[in-house]
């Protein structure tokens, strides 16, 4: 009977030793993973902490560019109207000016 108890205790002790060894391995892996996550978090914060300023500058630049583009569109539209008027005047002038037997339209 004593032999059975000693063998059972020995098996329980070996099982507990194996479980403790595996828990130690898992703890080391988790510690390394936690360090990697902490480093990634620091690097991410360092990069993204300046993002709001960059976004604001980008929005201001985009707004200014849209304003300039709108002004240029108006200028192009006016220039097209002036060119159309010049073209109309030129056609009118050519139509009214006497040529050798022909009139141009």
Protein backbone atom coordinates (compact mmCIF):
# COMPACT_ATOMS: atom_id res chain seq x y z
CA UNK A 1 0.00 0.00 0.00
CA UNK A 2 2.81 2.41 0.81
CA UNK A 3 4.40 1.64 -2.55
CA UNK A 4 1.19 2.62 -4.40
CA UNK A 5 0.98 5.93 -2.51
CA UNK A 6 4.66 6.71 -3.18
CA UNK A 7 4.28 5.91 -6.88
CA UNK A 8 1.07 8.02 -7.09
CA UNK A 9 2.81 10.93 -5.33
CA UNK A 10 5.79 10.58 -7.68
CA UNK A 11 3.51 10.65 -10.73
CA UNK A 12 1.64 13.69 -9.36
CA UNK A 13 4.96 15.44 -8.65
CA UNK A 14 6.28 14.70 -12.17
CA UNK A 15 3.02 15.94 -13.72
CA UNK A 16 3.18 19.14 -11.66
CA UNK A 17 6.83 19.63 -12.63
CA UNK A 18 5.95 19.22 -16.32
CA UNK A 19 3.03 21.68 -16.00
CA UNK A 20 5.29 24.21 -14.22
CA UNK A 21 7.91 23.86 -16.96
CA UNK A 22 5.27 24.46 -19.69
CA UNK A 23 3.83 27.45 -17.80
CA UNK A 24 7.36 28.90 -17.63
CA UNK A 25 7.76 28.48 -21.39
CA UNK A 26 4.40 30.13 -22.05
CA UNK A 27 5.31 32.97 -19.67
CA UNK A 28 8.55 33.64 -21.60
CA UNK A 29 6.70 33.67 -24.94
CA UNK A 30 4.05 36.01 -23.55
CA UNK A 31 6.74 38.33 -22.12
CA UNK A 32 8.42 38.56 -25.53
CA UNK A 33 5.06 39.19 -27.21
CA UNK A 34 4.23 41.92 -24.68
CA UNK A 35 7.57 43.61 -25.36
CA UNK A 36 6.95 43.53 -29.10
CA UNK A 37 3.46 44.99 -28.67
CA UNK A 38 4.83 47.75 -26.39
CA UNK A 39 7.50 48.68 -28.94
CA UNK A 40 4.92 48.71 -31.74
CA UNK A 41 2.63 50.91 -29.64
CA UNK A 42 5.43 53.41 -28.95
CA UNK A 43 6.40 53.57 -32.62
CA UNK A 44 2.79 53.94 -33.71
CA UNK A 45 2.21 56.73 -31.21
CA UNK A 46 5.38 58.49 -32.33
CA UNK A 47 4.24 58.42 -35.96
CA UNK A 48 0.55 59.15 -35.44
CA UNK A 49 0.93 61.85 -32.79
CA UNK A 50 1.88 64.28 -35.55
CA UNK A 51 -0.93 63.18 -37.86
CA UNK A 52 -3.55 65.77 -36.78
CA UNK A 53 -1.17 68.62 -37.61
CA UNK A 54 -0.42 67.11 -41.02
CA UNK A 55 -4.10 66.57 -41.71
CA UNK A 56 -4.88 70.17 -40.78
CA UNK A 57 -2.13 71.46 -43.06
CA UNK A 58 -3.43 69.24 -45.85
CA UNK A 59 -6.98 70.50 -45.40
CA UNK A 60 -5.83 74.13 -45.45
CA UNK A 61 -3.74 73.47 -48.57
CA UNK A 62 -6.64 71.74 -50.28
CA UNK A 63 -8.98 74.59 -49.43
CA UNK A 64 -6.53 77.15 -50.81
CA UNK A 65 -6.02 75.08 -53.95
CA UNK A 66 -9.77 74.81 -54.52
CA UNK A 67 -10.12 78.57 -54.13
CA UNK A 68 -7.30 79.21 -56.61
CA UNK A 69 -8.78 76.67 -59.02
CA UNK A 70 -12.19 78.38 -58.85
CA UNK A 71 -10.59 81.76 -59.61
CA UNK A 72 -8.68 80.28 -62.54
CA UNK A 73 -11.86 78.68 -63.89
CA UNK A 74 -13.57 82.09 -63.84
CA UNK A 75 -10.59 83.65 -65.61
CA UNK A 76 -10.61 80.90 -68.26
CA UNK A 77 -14.34 81.37 -68.74
CA UNK A 78 -13.91 85.13 -69.21
CA UNK A 79 -11.02 84.55 -71.60
CA UNK A 80 -13.14 82.14 -73.64
CA UNK A 81 -15.91 84.73 -73.81
CA UNK A 82 -13.44 87.40 -74.96
CA UNK A 83 -12.02 85.05 -77.61
CA UNK A 84 -15.52 84.24 -78.83
CA UNK A 85 -16.28 87.95 -79.06
CA UNK A 86 -13.04 88.58 -80.98
CA UNK A 87 -13.88 85.70 -83.29
CA UNK A 88 -17.36 87.12 -83.87
CA UNK A 89 -15.94 90.58 -84.57
CA UNK A 90 -13.37 89.10 -86.92
CA UNK A 91 -16.05 87.21 -88.86
CA UNK A 92 -18.20 90.31 -88.98
CA UNK A 93 -15.27 92.37 -90.23
CA UNK A 94 -14.38 89.81 -92.91
CA UNK A 95 -18.01 89.53 -93.96
CA UNK A 96 -18.35 93.28 -94.42
CA UNK A 97 -15.01 93.94 -96.03
CA UNK A 98 -15.19 93.83 -99.82
CA UNK A 99 -13.15 91.09 -101.44
CA UNK A 100 -12.65 90.33 -105.01
CA UNK A 101 -16.06 89.04 -105.89
CA UNK A 102 -16.65 86.90 -102.78
CA UNK A 103 -17.93 87.36 -99.30
CA UNK A 104 -16.76 85.21 -96.41
CA UNK A 105 -19.03 84.01 -93.65
